[in-house]
């Protein structure tokens, strides 16, 4: 009979289908709403109305809210931007957990503070609460070995490593060919700001 009263079961924490099945078995009518929420309770009932243990008529509607998980957004392309600008762009897109790390190797075209990579990658859909890591250029390269080369070859090797402003001091010596690099500063293998 429609006048019969039934106690509303607790369905918070259940998956959608299990919650609907419990309500139907209890002679109640489920109505489902969806809302964004934390990842920990994704795909679970996070709210119900009326609440558990209330007496309602058989056939009454119980509204349940299913957590669809955190909002997902595509990561904007911030590669090449300065770190501060990249952080602003990510914040504007809704990302609240942005970290950064120094690049361990980087193309010679990047200057100090420029973003060389983003993890997860650009255009990937990520929850706005997910950690986004920026890899930031140091603006440094390892100084190549330039000794025992002629000046033109040494200049090419230095340029490939990102060093363009070479100061050449000529010195007479009996131990080397004319035009050969006999000494360099900084030394080979040292990390140095690209110029």
N, C-alpha and C. Protein backbone atom coordinates (compact mmCIF):
# COMPACT_ATOMS: atom_id res chain seq x y z
N UNK A 1 0.82 -1.20 0.00
CA UNK A 1 0.00 0.00 0.00
C UNK A 1 0.86 1.26 0.00
N UNK A 2 0.33 2.32 -0.61
CA UNK A 2 1.08 3.58 -0.72
C UNK A 2 1.27 4.26 0.63
N UNK A 3 0.45 3.96 1.60
CA UNK A 3 0.56 4.59 2.93
C UNK A 3 1.64 3.94 3.76
N UNK A 4 2.15 2.82 3.29
CA UNK A 4 3.16 2.09 4.07
C UNK A 4 4.42 2.94 4.19
N UNK A 5 5.02 2.98 5.39
CA UNK A 5 6.24 3.74 5.62
C UNK A 5 7.43 2.81 5.59
N UNK A 6 8.54 3.34 5.14
CA UNK A 6 9.77 2.56 5.06
C UNK A 6 10.91 3.44 5.54
N UNK A 7 11.94 2.83 6.12
CA UNK A 7 13.11 3.59 6.59
C UNK A 7 14.10 3.70 5.43
N UNK A 8 14.58 4.91 5.19
CA UNK A 8 15.54 5.16 4.11
C UNK A 8 16.89 4.54 4.49
N UNK A 9 17.43 3.65 3.63
CA UNK A 9 18.75 3.06 3.93
C UNK A 9 19.88 4.06 3.64
N UNK A 10 21.03 3.83 4.25
CA UNK A 10 22.21 4.65 3.98
C UNK A 10 22.85 4.13 2.69
N UNK A 11 23.00 5.02 1.70
CA UNK A 11 23.65 4.62 0.45
C UNK A 11 24.91 5.45 0.19
N UNK A 12 25.24 6.38 1.09
CA UNK A 12 26.47 7.18 0.93
C UNK A 12 27.67 6.24 0.97
N UNK A 13 28.59 6.42 -0.01
CA UNK A 13 29.77 5.57 -0.09
C UNK A 13 29.62 4.42 -1.08
N UNK A 14 28.39 4.16 -1.52
CA UNK A 14 28.16 3.08 -2.47
C UNK A 14 28.34 3.59 -3.90
N UNK A 15 28.66 2.65 -4.80
CA UNK A 15 28.69 2.96 -6.23
C UNK A 15 27.26 3.19 -6.70
N UNK A 16 27.11 3.89 -7.81
CA UNK A 16 25.78 4.27 -8.31
C UNK A 16 24.83 3.08 -8.45
N UNK A 17 25.25 2.04 -9.16
CA UNK A 17 24.35 0.91 -9.40
C UNK A 17 23.96 0.21 -8.11
N UNK A 18 24.90 0.04 -7.19
CA UNK A 18 24.61 -0.61 -5.91
C UNK A 18 23.62 0.23 -5.11
N UNK A 19 23.81 1.56 -5.10
CA UNK A 19 22.92 2.45 -4.36
C UNK A 19 21.51 2.41 -4.95
N UNK A 20 21.40 2.45 -6.29
CA UNK A 20 20.08 2.40 -6.93
C UNK A 20 19.39 1.07 -6.62
N UNK A 21 20.14 -0.02 -6.67
CA UNK A 21 19.59 -1.34 -6.38
C UNK A 21 19.06 -1.41 -4.95
N UNK A 22 19.82 -0.87 -3.98
CA UNK A 22 19.38 -0.87 -2.58
C UNK A 22 18.08 -0.09 -2.42
N UNK A 23 18.00 1.06 -3.07
CA UNK A 23 16.80 1.89 -2.95
C UNK A 23 15.59 1.21 -3.58
N UNK A 24 15.79 0.61 -4.75
CA UNK A 24 14.68 -0.09 -5.43
C UNK A 24 14.21 -1.27 -4.59
N UNK A 25 15.17 -2.02 -4.03
CA UNK A 25 14.82 -3.16 -3.16
C UNK A 25 14.04 -2.68 -1.94
N UNK A 26 14.31 -1.47 -1.47
CA UNK A 26 13.61 -0.89 -0.32
C UNK A 26 12.30 -0.22 -0.73
N UNK A 27 11.88 -0.42 -1.98
CA UNK A 27 10.63 0.14 -2.52
C UNK A 27 10.67 1.67 -2.59
N UNK A 28 11.84 2.20 -2.91
CA UNK A 28 12.01 3.64 -3.07
C UNK A 28 12.44 3.93 -4.51
N UNK A 29 12.27 5.16 -4.96
CA UNK A 29 12.60 5.54 -6.34
C UNK A 29 13.87 6.39 -6.33
N UNK A 30 14.96 5.87 -6.93
CA UNK A 30 16.20 6.67 -6.95
C UNK A 30 16.15 7.75 -8.04
N UNK A 31 16.67 8.92 -7.69
CA UNK A 31 16.89 10.00 -8.65
C UNK A 31 18.38 10.34 -8.54
N UNK A 32 19.08 10.36 -9.68
CA UNK A 32 20.54 10.50 -9.64
C UNK A 32 20.97 11.88 -10.15
N UNK A 33 21.83 12.54 -9.36
CA UNK A 33 22.47 13.78 -9.76
C UNK A 33 23.98 13.52 -9.80
N UNK A 34 24.70 14.34 -10.54
CA UNK A 34 26.15 14.18 -10.65
C UNK A 34 26.82 15.49 -10.28
N UNK A 35 27.95 15.39 -9.58
CA UNK A 35 28.70 16.59 -9.19
C UNK A 35 30.18 16.27 -9.11
N UNK A 36 31.00 17.26 -9.45
CA UNK A 36 32.45 17.10 -9.32
C UNK A 36 32.81 17.03 -7.84
N UNK A 37 33.87 16.28 -7.53
CA UNK A 37 34.31 16.15 -6.15
C UNK A 37 35.70 15.56 -6.08
N UNK A 38 36.17 15.26 -4.86
CA UNK A 38 37.53 14.73 -4.70
C UNK A 38 37.73 13.35 -5.33
N UNK A 39 38.97 13.09 -5.75
CA UNK A 39 39.30 11.82 -6.39
C UNK A 39 39.05 10.63 -5.47
N UNK A 40 39.22 10.82 -4.17
CA UNK A 40 39.09 9.71 -3.20
C UNK A 40 37.71 9.07 -3.22
N UNK A 41 36.66 9.84 -3.55
CA UNK A 41 35.30 9.28 -3.54
C UNK A 41 34.67 9.27 -4.94
N UNK A 42 35.51 9.27 -5.96
CA UNK A 42 35.01 9.27 -7.33
C UNK A 42 34.12 8.06 -7.57
N UNK A 43 33.01 8.26 -8.28
CA UNK A 43 32.03 7.23 -8.64
C UNK A 43 31.24 6.69 -7.44
N UNK A 44 31.25 7.42 -6.33
CA UNK A 44 30.49 7.01 -5.15
C UNK A 44 29.39 8.03 -4.85
N UNK A 45 28.37 7.55 -4.10
CA UNK A 45 27.34 8.45 -3.62
C UNK A 45 27.96 9.30 -2.50
N UNK A 46 27.86 10.62 -2.65
CA UNK A 46 28.42 11.52 -1.63
C UNK A 46 27.33 12.23 -0.84
N UNK A 47 26.09 12.25 -1.36
CA UNK A 47 24.97 12.87 -0.66
C UNK A 47 23.71 12.09 -0.97
N UNK A 48 22.78 12.10 -0.01
CA UNK A 48 21.47 11.53 -0.27
C UNK A 48 20.42 12.38 0.44
N UNK A 49 19.24 12.46 -0.20
CA UNK A 49 18.14 13.22 0.38
C UNK A 49 16.83 12.52 0.01
N UNK A 50 16.00 12.14 0.97
CA UNK A 50 16.18 12.31 2.40
C UNK A 50 17.33 11.46 2.94
N UNK A 51 17.81 11.87 4.13
CA UNK A 51 18.95 11.18 4.73
C UNK A 51 18.52 9.83 5.28
N UNK A 52 19.50 9.03 5.62
CA UNK A 52 19.26 7.68 6.14
C UNK A 52 18.44 7.73 7.44
N UNK A 53 17.74 6.63 7.67
CA UNK A 53 16.95 6.38 8.89
C UNK A 53 15.69 7.23 9.02
N UNK A 54 15.36 8.04 8.01
CA UNK A 54 14.08 8.76 8.05
C UNK A 54 12.99 7.83 7.53
N UNK A 55 11.78 7.99 8.04
CA UNK A 55 10.65 7.22 7.56
C UNK A 55 9.97 7.99 6.43
N UNK A 56 9.79 7.31 5.31
CA UNK A 56 9.12 7.92 4.16
C UNK A 56 8.10 6.92 3.60
N UNK A 57 7.20 7.41 2.76
CA UNK A 57 6.22 6.51 2.14
C UNK A 57 6.90 5.63 1.09
N UNK A 58 6.39 4.44 0.93
CA UNK A 58 6.85 3.53 -0.12
C UNK A 58 6.71 4.26 -1.45
N UNK A 59 7.73 4.14 -2.32
CA UNK A 59 7.70 4.77 -3.63
C UNK A 59 8.25 6.19 -3.64
N UNK A 60 8.60 6.71 -2.46
CA UNK A 60 9.15 8.07 -2.39
C UNK A 60 10.47 8.14 -3.16
N UNK A 61 10.77 9.34 -3.62
CA UNK A 61 12.02 9.56 -4.35
C UNK A 61 13.14 9.85 -3.37
N UNK A 62 14.28 9.17 -3.58
CA UNK A 62 15.50 9.47 -2.82
C UNK A 62 16.52 9.98 -3.84
N UNK A 63 16.97 11.21 -3.65
CA UNK A 63 17.93 11.80 -4.56
C UNK A 63 19.34 11.49 -4.07
N UNK A 64 20.13 10.91 -4.96
CA UNK A 64 21.53 10.59 -4.62
C UNK A 64 22.45 11.39 -5.54
N UNK A 65 23.57 11.84 -4.99
CA UNK A 65 24.55 12.60 -5.78
C UNK A 65 25.79 11.75 -5.94
N UNK A 66 26.18 11.52 -7.20
CA UNK A 66 27.36 10.72 -7.53
C UNK A 66 28.53 11.66 -7.82
N UNK A 67 29.67 11.40 -7.19
CA UNK A 67 30.88 12.19 -7.42
C UNK A 67 31.51 11.75 -8.74
N UNK A 68 31.61 12.67 -9.68
CA UNK A 68 32.23 12.36 -10.97
C UNK A 68 33.74 12.56 -10.95
N UNK A 69 34.27 12.94 -9.77
CA UNK A 69 35.71 13.17 -9.64
C UNK A 69 36.04 14.64 -9.82
N UNK A 70 37.31 14.98 -9.65
CA UNK A 70 37.70 16.38 -9.78
C UNK A 70 37.53 16.88 -11.21
N UNK A 71 37.37 18.18 -11.32
CA UNK A 71 37.26 18.81 -12.64
C UNK A 71 38.53 18.52 -13.44
N UNK A 72 38.35 18.19 -14.71
CA UNK A 72 39.49 17.90 -15.58
C UNK A 72 39.62 19.01 -16.62
N UNK A 73 40.86 19.40 -16.85
CA UNK A 73 41.15 20.48 -17.79
C UNK A 73 42.40 20.09 -18.59
N UNK A 74 42.46 20.55 -19.82
CA UNK A 74 43.66 20.31 -20.64
C UNK A 74 44.79 21.20 -20.12
N UNK A 75 45.98 20.62 -20.00
CA UNK A 75 47.14 21.39 -19.54
C UNK A 75 47.56 22.33 -20.67
N UNK A 76 47.62 23.64 -20.37
CA UNK A 76 47.99 24.60 -21.42
C UNK A 76 49.45 24.46 -21.84
N UNK A 77 49.75 24.89 -23.05
CA UNK A 77 51.11 24.82 -23.58
C UNK A 77 51.93 25.98 -23.01
N UNK A 78 52.74 25.66 -22.00
CA UNK A 78 53.57 26.69 -21.37
C UNK A 78 55.06 26.44 -21.64
N UNK A 79 55.35 25.46 -22.50
CA UNK A 79 56.75 25.18 -22.83
C UNK A 79 57.31 26.38 -23.59
N UNK A 80 58.46 26.85 -23.14
CA UNK A 80 59.10 28.02 -23.74
C UNK A 80 58.84 29.30 -22.97
N UNK A 81 57.81 29.29 -22.11
CA UNK A 81 57.51 30.48 -21.31
C UNK A 81 58.45 30.55 -20.10
N UNK A 82 58.60 31.74 -19.55
CA UNK A 82 59.33 31.89 -18.30
C UNK A 82 58.50 31.23 -17.20
N UNK A 83 59.17 30.69 -16.18
CA UNK A 83 58.49 29.94 -15.13
C UNK A 83 57.33 30.73 -14.50
N UNK A 84 57.53 31.99 -14.16
CA UNK A 84 56.48 32.79 -13.51
C UNK A 84 55.25 32.91 -14.42
N UNK A 85 55.48 33.11 -15.72
CA UNK A 85 54.37 33.22 -16.67
C UNK A 85 53.65 31.88 -16.83
N UNK A 86 54.42 30.80 -16.82
CA UNK A 86 53.84 29.46 -16.93
C UNK A 86 52.95 29.17 -15.73
N UNK A 87 53.43 29.53 -14.55
CA UNK A 87 52.63 29.33 -13.33
C UNK A 87 51.32 30.12 -13.40
N UNK A 88 51.39 31.37 -13.88
CA UNK A 88 50.18 32.20 -14.01
C UNK A 88 49.18 31.55 -14.98
N UNK A 89 49.69 31.03 -16.10
CA UNK A 89 48.82 30.40 -17.10
C UNK A 89 48.15 29.14 -16.53
N UNK A 90 48.91 28.36 -15.77
CA UNK A 90 48.34 27.15 -15.16
C UNK A 90 47.30 27.51 -14.11
N UNK A 91 47.58 28.52 -13.31
CA UNK A 91 46.64 28.98 -12.29
C UNK A 91 45.35 29.49 -12.95
N UNK A 92 45.50 30.24 -14.04
CA UNK A 92 44.34 30.76 -14.77
C UNK A 92 43.50 29.62 -15.35
N UNK A 93 44.15 28.49 -15.68
CA UNK A 93 43.43 27.33 -16.21
C UNK A 93 42.79 26.51 -15.08
N UNK A 94 43.09 26.88 -13.82
CA UNK A 94 42.47 26.20 -12.69
C UNK A 94 43.38 25.26 -11.92
N UNK A 95 44.62 25.08 -12.38
CA UNK A 95 45.53 24.15 -11.70
C UNK A 95 46.10 24.81 -10.45
N UNK A 96 45.99 24.10 -9.33
CA UNK A 96 46.35 24.68 -8.03
C UNK A 96 47.60 24.05 -7.42
N UNK A 97 48.12 22.97 -8.02
CA UNK A 97 49.25 22.25 -7.44
C UNK A 97 50.40 22.21 -8.45
N UNK A 98 51.14 23.31 -8.55
CA UNK A 98 52.21 23.42 -9.55
C UNK A 98 53.56 23.39 -8.85
N UNK A 99 54.44 22.52 -9.32
CA UNK A 99 55.78 22.37 -8.76
C UNK A 99 56.78 22.61 -9.90
N UNK A 100 58.04 22.80 -9.56
CA UNK A 100 59.04 22.93 -10.61
C UNK A 100 60.32 22.24 -10.20
N UNK A 101 61.09 21.87 -11.21
CA UNK A 101 62.39 21.22 -10.99
C UNK A 101 63.35 21.76 -12.04
N UNK A 102 64.65 21.71 -11.69
CA UNK A 102 65.67 22.16 -12.66
C UNK A 102 65.87 21.10 -13.72
N UNK A 103 66.09 21.53 -14.93
CA UNK A 103 66.40 20.61 -16.02
C UNK A 103 67.76 19.98 -15.76
N UNK A 104 67.87 18.68 -16.04
CA UNK A 104 69.17 18.02 -15.92
C UNK A 104 69.91 18.06 -17.24
N UNK A 105 69.16 18.21 -18.31
CA UNK A 105 69.76 18.48 -19.62
C UNK A 105 68.72 19.29 -20.38
N UNK A 106 69.18 20.17 -21.24
CA UNK A 106 68.26 21.07 -21.92
C UNK A 106 68.84 21.49 -23.25
N UNK A 107 67.96 21.81 -24.21
CA UNK A 107 68.46 22.32 -25.49
C UNK A 107 69.19 23.65 -25.26
N UNK A 108 70.18 23.90 -26.07
CA UNK A 108 71.00 25.11 -25.93
C UNK A 108 70.22 26.38 -26.22
N UNK A 109 69.06 26.26 -26.83
CA UNK A 109 68.29 27.45 -27.18
C UNK A 109 67.51 28.01 -25.99
N UNK A 110 67.43 27.28 -24.88
CA UNK A 110 66.68 27.75 -23.72
C UNK A 110 67.55 28.62 -22.81
N UNK A 111 66.92 29.66 -22.25
CA UNK A 111 67.62 30.53 -21.31
C UNK A 111 67.18 30.18 -19.89
N UNK A 112 67.94 30.66 -18.92
CA UNK A 112 67.62 30.39 -17.52
C UNK A 112 66.17 30.79 -17.20
N UNK A 113 65.45 29.89 -16.53
CA UNK A 113 64.10 30.18 -16.09
C UNK A 113 63.02 29.83 -17.10
N UNK A 114 63.41 29.42 -18.29
CA UNK A 114 62.45 29.08 -19.33
C UNK A 114 61.99 27.63 -19.13
N UNK A 115 60.68 27.37 -19.30
CA UNK A 115 60.13 26.02 -19.14
C UNK A 115 60.50 25.18 -20.35
N UNK A 116 61.16 24.03 -20.09
CA UNK A 116 61.56 23.12 -21.18
C UNK A 116 60.58 21.96 -21.35
N UNK A 117 59.80 21.64 -20.30
CA UNK A 117 58.86 20.52 -20.36
C UNK A 117 57.83 20.66 -19.24
N UNK A 118 56.68 20.00 -19.45
CA UNK A 118 55.61 19.97 -18.46
C UNK A 118 55.20 18.52 -18.27
N UNK A 119 54.96 18.12 -17.02
CA UNK A 119 54.48 16.77 -16.73
C UNK A 119 53.27 16.87 -15.82
N UNK A 120 52.14 16.24 -16.19
CA UNK A 120 51.86 15.55 -17.45
C UNK A 120 52.03 16.50 -18.64
N UNK A 121 52.05 15.90 -19.82
CA UNK A 121 52.32 16.66 -21.03
C UNK A 121 51.24 17.70 -21.34
N UNK A 122 51.61 18.67 -22.15
CA UNK A 122 50.70 19.69 -22.65
C UNK A 122 49.52 19.01 -23.35
N UNK A 123 48.33 19.59 -23.18
CA UNK A 123 47.07 19.13 -23.79
C UNK A 123 46.49 17.88 -23.16
N UNK A 124 47.19 17.24 -22.20
CA UNK A 124 46.64 16.08 -21.50
C UNK A 124 45.55 16.59 -20.55
N UNK A 125 44.46 15.83 -20.42
CA UNK A 125 43.42 16.19 -19.46
C UNK A 125 43.89 15.76 -18.08
N UNK A 126 43.86 16.68 -17.13
CA UNK A 126 44.27 16.38 -15.77
C UNK A 126 43.31 17.05 -14.80
N UNK A 127 43.18 16.46 -13.62
CA UNK A 127 42.36 17.07 -12.58
C UNK A 127 43.05 18.37 -12.15
N UNK A 128 42.27 19.38 -11.87
CA UNK A 128 42.84 20.67 -11.50
C UNK A 128 43.62 20.60 -10.18
N UNK A 129 43.41 19.51 -9.42
CA UNK A 129 44.15 19.33 -8.17
C UNK A 129 45.40 18.46 -8.36
N UNK A 130 45.57 17.86 -9.55
CA UNK A 130 46.75 17.03 -9.81
C UNK A 130 48.02 17.86 -9.76
N UNK A 131 49.13 17.21 -9.41
CA UNK A 131 50.42 17.90 -9.39
C UNK A 131 50.91 18.07 -10.83
N UNK A 132 51.23 19.31 -11.18
CA UNK A 132 51.80 19.64 -12.49
C UNK A 132 53.24 20.06 -12.23
N UNK A 133 54.19 19.40 -12.91
CA UNK A 133 55.60 19.71 -12.69
C UNK A 133 56.19 20.39 -13.91
N UNK A 134 56.79 21.56 -13.68
CA UNK A 134 57.47 22.30 -14.73
C UNK A 134 58.96 21.97 -14.65
N UNK A 135 59.58 21.67 -15.78
CA UNK A 135 61.03 21.52 -15.84
C UNK A 135 61.57 22.83 -16.38
N UNK A 136 62.48 23.43 -15.59
CA UNK A 136 62.94 24.78 -15.87
C UNK A 136 64.42 24.78 -16.24
N UNK A 137 64.75 25.49 -17.30
CA UNK A 137 66.13 25.56 -17.80
C UNK A 137 67.05 26.26 -16.80
N UNK A 138 68.26 25.76 -16.73
CA UNK A 138 69.29 26.38 -15.88
C UNK A 138 70.03 27.47 -16.65
N UNK A 139 69.96 27.40 -17.99
CA UNK A 139 70.71 28.35 -18.81
C UNK A 139 72.19 28.00 -18.88
N UNK A 140 72.51 26.78 -18.45
CA UNK A 140 73.92 26.36 -18.44
C UNK A 140 74.13 25.15 -19.34
N UNK A 141 75.35 25.04 -19.83
CA UNK A 141 75.78 23.86 -20.59
C UNK A 141 77.14 23.46 -20.09
N UNK A 142 77.50 22.24 -20.41
CA UNK A 142 78.84 21.78 -20.06
C UNK A 142 79.81 22.34 -21.11
N UNK A 143 80.86 22.94 -20.61
CA UNK A 143 81.86 23.52 -21.51
C UNK A 143 82.57 22.40 -22.27
N UNK A 144 82.55 22.44 -23.60
CA UNK A 144 83.24 21.40 -24.37
C UNK A 144 84.76 21.60 -24.36
N UNK A 145 85.46 20.57 -24.77
CA UNK A 145 86.92 20.66 -24.91
C UNK A 145 87.22 21.41 -26.20
N UNK A 146 87.97 22.49 -26.07
CA UNK A 146 88.29 23.32 -27.23
C UNK A 146 89.79 23.29 -27.56
N UNK A 147 90.58 22.76 -26.66
CA UNK A 147 92.03 22.75 -26.87
C UNK A 147 92.41 21.79 -27.99
N UNK A 148 93.55 22.05 -28.60
CA UNK A 148 94.11 21.25 -29.69
C UNK A 148 93.28 21.32 -30.97
N UNK A 149 92.45 22.37 -31.11
CA UNK A 149 91.68 22.61 -32.34
C UNK A 149 92.12 23.96 -32.87
N UNK A 150 91.85 24.16 -34.18
CA UNK A 150 92.10 25.51 -34.67
C UNK A 150 90.93 26.39 -34.23
N UNK A 151 91.11 27.69 -34.34
CA UNK A 151 90.13 28.63 -33.80
C UNK A 151 88.75 28.44 -34.42
N UNK A 152 88.67 28.20 -35.74
CA UNK A 152 87.37 28.05 -36.42
C UNK A 152 86.63 26.82 -35.90
N UNK A 153 87.34 25.69 -35.76
CA UNK A 153 86.72 24.45 -35.26
C UNK A 153 86.28 24.63 -33.81
N UNK A 154 87.12 25.27 -33.00
CA UNK A 154 86.78 25.51 -31.60
C UNK A 154 85.54 26.38 -31.50
N UNK A 155 85.44 27.36 -32.36
CA UNK A 155 84.29 28.26 -32.36
C UNK A 155 83.01 27.49 -32.70
N UNK A 156 83.07 26.58 -33.68
CA UNK A 156 81.90 25.76 -34.06
C UNK A 156 81.46 24.87 -32.91
N UNK A 157 82.42 24.21 -32.26
CA UNK A 157 82.11 23.32 -31.14
C UNK A 157 81.48 24.12 -30.00
N UNK A 158 82.03 25.28 -29.70
CA UNK A 158 81.51 26.14 -28.64
C UNK A 158 80.09 26.60 -28.97
N UNK A 159 79.85 26.98 -30.22
CA UNK A 159 78.52 27.43 -30.65
C UNK A 159 77.48 26.32 -30.50
N UNK A 160 77.85 25.09 -30.88
CA UNK A 160 76.92 23.96 -30.76
C UNK A 160 76.52 23.74 -29.30
N UNK A 161 77.42 24.08 -28.37
CA UNK A 161 77.14 23.90 -26.94
C UNK A 161 76.42 25.12 -26.35
N UNK A 162 76.18 26.16 -27.18
CA UNK A 162 75.45 27.32 -26.71
C UNK A 162 76.32 28.48 -26.27
N UNK A 163 77.61 28.42 -26.57
CA UNK A 163 78.54 29.50 -26.21
C UNK A 163 78.92 30.26 -27.48
N UNK A 164 78.50 31.53 -27.55
CA UNK A 164 78.71 32.30 -28.77
C UNK A 164 79.68 33.46 -28.58
N UNK A 165 79.85 33.92 -27.37
CA UNK A 165 80.74 35.06 -27.11
C UNK A 165 82.10 34.56 -26.66
N UNK A 166 82.95 34.26 -27.61
CA UNK A 166 84.29 33.76 -27.28
C UNK A 166 85.28 34.91 -27.31
N UNK A 167 86.08 34.97 -26.29
CA UNK A 167 87.17 35.95 -26.26
C UNK A 167 88.45 35.20 -26.59
N UNK A 168 89.14 35.64 -27.63
CA UNK A 168 90.36 34.96 -28.06
C UNK A 168 91.56 35.84 -27.72
N UNK A 169 92.48 35.25 -27.04
CA UNK A 169 93.74 35.94 -26.74
C UNK A 169 94.84 35.18 -27.48
N UNK A 170 95.61 35.89 -28.29
CA UNK A 170 96.67 35.23 -29.05
C UNK A 170 97.97 35.29 -28.25
N UNK A 171 98.68 34.18 -28.31
CA UNK A 171 99.93 34.11 -27.57
C UNK A 171 100.92 33.28 -28.38
N UNK A 172 102.16 33.70 -28.40
CA UNK A 172 103.17 32.92 -29.13
C UNK A 172 103.66 31.79 -28.24
N UNK A 173 103.83 30.62 -28.89
CA UNK A 173 104.35 29.46 -28.16
C UNK A 173 105.09 28.58 -29.16
N UNK A 174 106.00 27.81 -28.66
CA UNK A 174 106.74 26.90 -29.53
C UNK A 174 106.09 25.52 -29.57
N UNK A 175 105.13 25.26 -28.63
CA UNK A 175 104.58 23.91 -28.47
C UNK A 175 103.34 23.63 -29.33
N UNK A 176 102.80 24.62 -30.05
CA UNK A 176 101.55 24.40 -30.78
C UNK A 176 101.64 25.00 -32.18
N UNK A 177 100.72 24.51 -33.04
CA UNK A 177 100.63 25.06 -34.39
C UNK A 177 100.04 26.46 -34.33
N UNK A 178 100.28 27.25 -35.31
CA UNK A 178 99.71 28.60 -35.39
C UNK A 178 98.19 28.50 -35.45
N UNK A 179 97.48 29.28 -34.66
CA UNK A 179 96.02 29.30 -34.66
C UNK A 179 95.38 28.22 -33.83
N UNK A 180 96.16 27.36 -33.19
CA UNK A 180 95.61 26.26 -32.39
C UNK A 180 95.28 26.76 -30.98
N UNK A 181 94.15 26.29 -30.44
CA UNK A 181 93.76 26.64 -29.07
C UNK A 181 94.64 25.84 -28.12
N UNK A 182 95.35 26.55 -27.24
CA UNK A 182 96.26 25.86 -26.31
C UNK A 182 95.74 25.87 -24.87
N UNK A 183 94.78 26.75 -24.61
CA UNK A 183 94.26 26.88 -23.25
C UNK A 183 92.84 27.41 -23.34
N UNK A 184 91.97 27.00 -22.40
CA UNK A 184 90.61 27.53 -22.39
C UNK A 184 90.18 27.80 -20.95
N UNK A 185 89.29 28.79 -20.84
CA UNK A 185 88.70 29.11 -19.55
C UNK A 185 87.27 29.55 -19.81
N UNK A 186 86.25 28.95 -19.18
CA UNK A 186 86.32 27.89 -18.20
C UNK A 186 86.83 26.58 -18.82
N UNK A 187 87.26 25.70 -17.94
CA UNK A 187 87.79 24.40 -18.38
C UNK A 187 86.69 23.52 -18.96
N UNK A 188 87.11 22.56 -19.76
CA UNK A 188 86.18 21.60 -20.35
C UNK A 188 85.48 20.83 -19.22
N UNK A 189 84.17 20.55 -19.41
CA UNK A 189 83.41 19.75 -18.45
C UNK A 189 82.74 20.57 -17.37
N UNK A 190 83.10 21.85 -17.25
CA UNK A 190 82.50 22.71 -16.22
C UNK A 190 81.16 23.21 -16.73
N UNK A 191 80.13 23.23 -15.84
CA UNK A 191 78.84 23.83 -16.19
C UNK A 191 79.03 25.35 -16.18
N UNK A 192 78.55 25.99 -17.23
CA UNK A 192 78.76 27.42 -17.35
C UNK A 192 77.53 28.05 -18.02
N UNK A 193 77.23 29.28 -17.65
CA UNK A 193 76.11 29.99 -18.28
C UNK A 193 76.39 30.15 -19.77
N UNK A 194 75.35 29.78 -20.58
CA UNK A 194 75.49 29.97 -22.01
C UNK A 194 75.44 31.46 -22.31
N UNK A 195 76.17 31.86 -23.35
CA UNK A 195 76.23 33.27 -23.71
C UNK A 195 75.85 33.48 -25.15
